[in-house]
């Protein structure tokens, strides 16, 4: 997915299959990003903007990357 191709008039729908889909679903709901999740089905997320795409990427990264890697990245950003 190319983030530069996304715009508010270009709604993208992605499906994600992962073990953490309920946690991801809850976080995306908190952020106001449209998403749907049924039992034994992939999480479907609607991307309406570049900002939403970045937030989705961030949520998935937090779920999949180990805590030490996240800490290292945060410390790098502070420098």
N, C-alpha and C. Protein backbone atom coordinates (compact mmCIF):
# COMPACT_ATOMS: atom_id res chain seq x y z
N UNK A 1 0.85 -1.17 0.00
CA UNK A 1 0.00 0.00 0.00
C UNK A 1 0.89 1.23 0.00
N UNK A 2 0.64 2.14 -0.91
CA UNK A 2 1.39 3.38 -1.00
C UNK A 2 0.60 4.47 -0.29
N UNK A 3 1.15 5.02 0.79
CA UNK A 3 0.43 6.02 1.57
C UNK A 3 0.13 7.28 0.79
N UNK A 4 0.95 7.61 -0.21
CA UNK A 4 0.71 8.82 -0.98
C UNK A 4 -0.52 8.70 -1.87
N UNK A 5 -0.98 7.47 -2.15
CA UNK A 5 -2.16 7.27 -2.98
C UNK A 5 -3.46 7.42 -2.20
N UNK A 6 -3.37 7.48 -0.89
CA UNK A 6 -4.57 7.55 -0.07
C UNK A 6 -5.01 9.00 0.10
N UNK A 7 -6.28 9.21 -0.04
CA UNK A 7 -6.85 10.53 0.20
C UNK A 7 -8.26 10.33 0.72
N UNK A 8 -8.89 11.38 1.30
CA UNK A 8 -10.23 11.21 1.86
C UNK A 8 -11.25 10.69 0.84
N UNK A 9 -11.10 11.02 -0.44
CA UNK A 9 -12.05 10.53 -1.42
C UNK A 9 -11.70 9.12 -1.90
N UNK A 10 -10.54 8.61 -1.55
CA UNK A 10 -10.08 7.28 -1.92
C UNK A 10 -10.18 6.38 -0.69
N UNK A 11 -11.34 5.84 -0.40
CA UNK A 11 -11.50 4.95 0.76
C UNK A 11 -10.94 3.58 0.45
N UNK A 12 -10.01 3.13 1.27
CA UNK A 12 -9.40 1.82 1.11
C UNK A 12 -9.94 0.92 2.22
N UNK A 13 -10.17 -0.34 1.88
CA UNK A 13 -10.62 -1.32 2.86
C UNK A 13 -9.58 -2.43 2.91
N UNK A 14 -9.06 -2.69 4.10
CA UNK A 14 -8.08 -3.77 4.25
C UNK A 14 -8.63 -4.82 5.20
N UNK A 15 -8.18 -6.04 5.02
CA UNK A 15 -8.53 -7.13 5.92
C UNK A 15 -7.27 -7.62 6.59
N UNK A 16 -7.34 -7.79 7.90
CA UNK A 16 -6.18 -8.22 8.67
C UNK A 16 -6.53 -9.48 9.44
N UNK A 17 -5.68 -10.49 9.29
CA UNK A 17 -5.86 -11.72 10.05
C UNK A 17 -4.72 -11.83 11.04
N UNK A 18 -5.01 -11.71 12.31
CA UNK A 18 -3.98 -11.86 13.34
C UNK A 18 -4.65 -12.29 14.64
N UNK A 19 -3.83 -12.83 15.53
CA UNK A 19 -4.35 -13.31 16.81
C UNK A 19 -4.80 -12.17 17.71
N UNK A 20 -4.24 -10.99 17.51
CA UNK A 20 -4.55 -9.85 18.37
C UNK A 20 -5.67 -8.98 17.80
N UNK A 21 -6.48 -9.52 16.91
CA UNK A 21 -7.44 -8.66 16.21
C UNK A 21 -8.44 -7.98 17.14
N UNK A 22 -8.81 -8.59 18.25
CA UNK A 22 -9.77 -7.95 19.15
C UNK A 22 -9.13 -6.76 19.86
N UNK A 23 -7.88 -6.89 20.25
CA UNK A 23 -7.18 -5.76 20.86
C UNK A 23 -7.01 -4.63 19.86
N UNK A 24 -6.64 -4.99 18.63
CA UNK A 24 -6.49 -3.99 17.56
C UNK A 24 -7.83 -3.34 17.29
N UNK A 25 -8.89 -4.14 17.21
CA UNK A 25 -10.24 -3.64 16.98
C UNK A 25 -10.63 -2.59 18.03
N UNK A 26 -10.42 -2.92 19.29
CA UNK A 26 -10.78 -1.99 20.37
C UNK A 26 -10.01 -0.68 20.25
N UNK A 27 -8.71 -0.76 19.97
CA UNK A 27 -7.89 0.46 19.87
C UNK A 27 -8.32 1.31 18.68
N UNK A 28 -8.60 0.67 17.55
CA UNK A 28 -9.04 1.43 16.38
C UNK A 28 -10.40 2.09 16.64
N UNK A 29 -11.27 1.40 17.37
CA UNK A 29 -12.56 2.00 17.74
C UNK A 29 -12.34 3.25 18.59
N UNK A 30 -11.40 3.17 19.55
CA UNK A 30 -11.07 4.32 20.38
C UNK A 30 -10.57 5.50 19.55
N UNK A 31 -9.84 5.19 18.47
CA UNK A 31 -9.30 6.24 17.60
C UNK A 31 -10.33 6.75 16.59
N UNK A 32 -11.50 6.12 16.55
CA UNK A 32 -12.55 6.55 15.63
C UNK A 32 -12.34 6.08 14.20
N UNK A 33 -11.57 5.01 14.03
CA UNK A 33 -11.31 4.46 12.70
C UNK A 33 -12.33 3.35 12.45
N UNK A 34 -13.10 3.45 11.36
CA UNK A 34 -14.11 2.42 11.08
C UNK A 34 -13.50 1.04 10.88
N UNK A 35 -13.99 0.06 11.66
CA UNK A 35 -13.50 -1.31 11.53
C UNK A 35 -14.60 -2.26 11.99
N UNK A 36 -14.51 -3.50 11.48
CA UNK A 36 -15.48 -4.54 11.78
C UNK A 36 -14.75 -5.83 12.06
N UNK A 37 -15.28 -6.58 13.01
CA UNK A 37 -14.63 -7.85 13.36
C UNK A 37 -15.70 -8.82 13.81
N UNK A 38 -15.77 -9.98 13.16
CA UNK A 38 -16.70 -11.04 13.53
C UNK A 38 -15.90 -12.25 13.98
N UNK A 39 -16.56 -13.16 14.67
CA UNK A 39 -15.89 -14.37 15.12
C UNK A 39 -15.35 -15.15 13.92
N UNK A 40 -14.11 -15.59 14.05
CA UNK A 40 -13.43 -16.42 13.05
C UNK A 40 -13.33 -15.74 11.68
N UNK A 41 -13.35 -14.43 11.65
CA UNK A 41 -13.23 -13.66 10.42
C UNK A 41 -12.10 -12.65 10.58
N UNK A 42 -11.50 -12.22 9.47
CA UNK A 42 -10.45 -11.20 9.58
C UNK A 42 -11.04 -9.85 9.99
N UNK A 43 -10.20 -9.05 10.61
CA UNK A 43 -10.57 -7.68 10.96
C UNK A 43 -10.58 -6.86 9.68
N UNK A 44 -11.64 -6.12 9.45
CA UNK A 44 -11.73 -5.25 8.28
C UNK A 44 -11.63 -3.81 8.75
N UNK A 45 -10.75 -3.06 8.10
CA UNK A 45 -10.49 -1.67 8.50
C UNK A 45 -10.65 -0.78 7.28
N UNK A 46 -11.37 0.32 7.47
CA UNK A 46 -11.53 1.29 6.39
C UNK A 46 -10.54 2.42 6.59
N UNK A 47 -9.73 2.66 5.57
CA UNK A 47 -8.73 3.73 5.62
C UNK A 47 -9.29 4.91 4.84
N UNK A 48 -9.53 6.01 5.53
CA UNK A 48 -10.11 7.19 4.88
C UNK A 48 -9.11 8.30 4.63
N UNK A 49 -7.94 8.20 5.26
CA UNK A 49 -6.96 9.28 5.11
C UNK A 49 -5.56 8.75 5.40
N UNK A 50 -4.58 9.56 5.08
CA UNK A 50 -3.19 9.20 5.37
C UNK A 50 -2.99 9.12 6.88
N UNK A 51 -3.61 10.03 7.61
CA UNK A 51 -3.49 10.02 9.08
C UNK A 51 -4.04 8.70 9.65
N UNK A 52 -5.17 8.24 9.12
CA UNK A 52 -5.74 6.97 9.58
C UNK A 52 -4.80 5.81 9.26
N UNK A 53 -4.19 5.84 8.08
CA UNK A 53 -3.26 4.78 7.69
C UNK A 53 -2.08 4.73 8.64
N UNK A 54 -1.57 5.88 9.02
CA UNK A 54 -0.44 5.94 9.95
C UNK A 54 -0.85 5.44 11.33
N UNK A 55 -2.05 5.80 11.78
CA UNK A 55 -2.53 5.33 13.07
C UNK A 55 -2.71 3.81 13.06
N UNK A 56 -3.23 3.26 11.96
CA UNK A 56 -3.40 1.81 11.85
C UNK A 56 -2.04 1.13 11.90
N UNK A 57 -1.09 1.66 11.15
CA UNK A 57 0.27 1.10 11.15
C UNK A 57 0.84 1.11 12.57
N UNK A 58 0.64 2.21 13.28
CA UNK A 58 1.17 2.35 14.64
C UNK A 58 0.54 1.33 15.59
N UNK A 59 -0.77 1.14 15.48
CA UNK A 59 -1.46 0.19 16.35
C UNK A 59 -0.94 -1.23 16.10
N UNK A 60 -0.80 -1.62 14.83
CA UNK A 60 -0.30 -2.95 14.52
C UNK A 60 1.14 -3.12 14.96
N UNK A 61 1.92 -2.09 14.81
CA UNK A 61 3.33 -2.15 15.22
C UNK A 61 3.43 -2.39 16.73
N UNK A 62 2.61 -1.68 17.49
CA UNK A 62 2.63 -1.86 18.94
C UNK A 62 2.25 -3.28 19.34
N UNK A 63 1.37 -3.92 18.57
CA UNK A 63 0.94 -5.28 18.89
C UNK A 63 1.98 -6.33 18.50
N UNK A 64 2.74 -6.07 17.45
CA UNK A 64 3.61 -7.10 16.89
C UNK A 64 5.08 -6.96 17.25
N UNK A 65 5.53 -5.78 17.62
CA UNK A 65 6.94 -5.56 17.91
C UNK A 65 7.17 -5.74 19.41
N UNK A 66 8.30 -6.29 19.75
CA UNK A 66 8.60 -6.55 21.16
C UNK A 66 8.80 -5.23 21.93
N UNK A 67 8.58 -5.29 23.20
CA UNK A 67 8.71 -4.12 24.06
C UNK A 67 10.11 -3.49 23.99
N UNK A 68 11.19 -4.27 24.04
CA UNK A 68 12.52 -3.66 23.94
C UNK A 68 12.73 -2.89 22.64
N UNK A 69 12.19 -3.39 21.55
CA UNK A 69 12.31 -2.68 20.27
C UNK A 69 11.54 -1.36 20.32
N UNK A 70 10.35 -1.38 20.90
CA UNK A 70 9.57 -0.15 21.03
C UNK A 70 10.29 0.88 21.92
N UNK A 71 10.91 0.41 22.99
CA UNK A 71 11.65 1.30 23.89
C UNK A 71 12.85 1.91 23.15
N UNK A 72 13.58 1.08 22.41
CA UNK A 72 14.72 1.59 21.64
C UNK A 72 14.27 2.64 20.63
N UNK A 73 13.15 2.40 19.97
CA UNK A 73 12.65 3.36 18.98
C UNK A 73 12.25 4.68 19.66
N UNK A 74 11.60 4.58 20.80
CA UNK A 74 11.20 5.78 21.52
C UNK A 74 12.42 6.58 21.98
N UNK A 75 13.43 5.90 22.49
CA UNK A 75 14.65 6.58 22.92
C UNK A 75 15.34 7.24 21.72
N UNK A 76 15.34 6.58 20.57
CA UNK A 76 15.91 7.14 19.34
C UNK A 76 15.15 8.42 18.95
N UNK A 77 13.84 8.40 19.06
CA UNK A 77 13.04 9.57 18.70
C UNK A 77 13.30 10.76 19.64
N UNK A 78 13.61 10.49 20.89
CA UNK A 78 13.87 11.55 21.85
C UNK A 78 15.20 12.25 21.60
N UNK A 79 16.12 11.58 20.90
CA UNK A 79 17.45 12.17 20.67
C UNK A 79 17.40 13.20 19.56
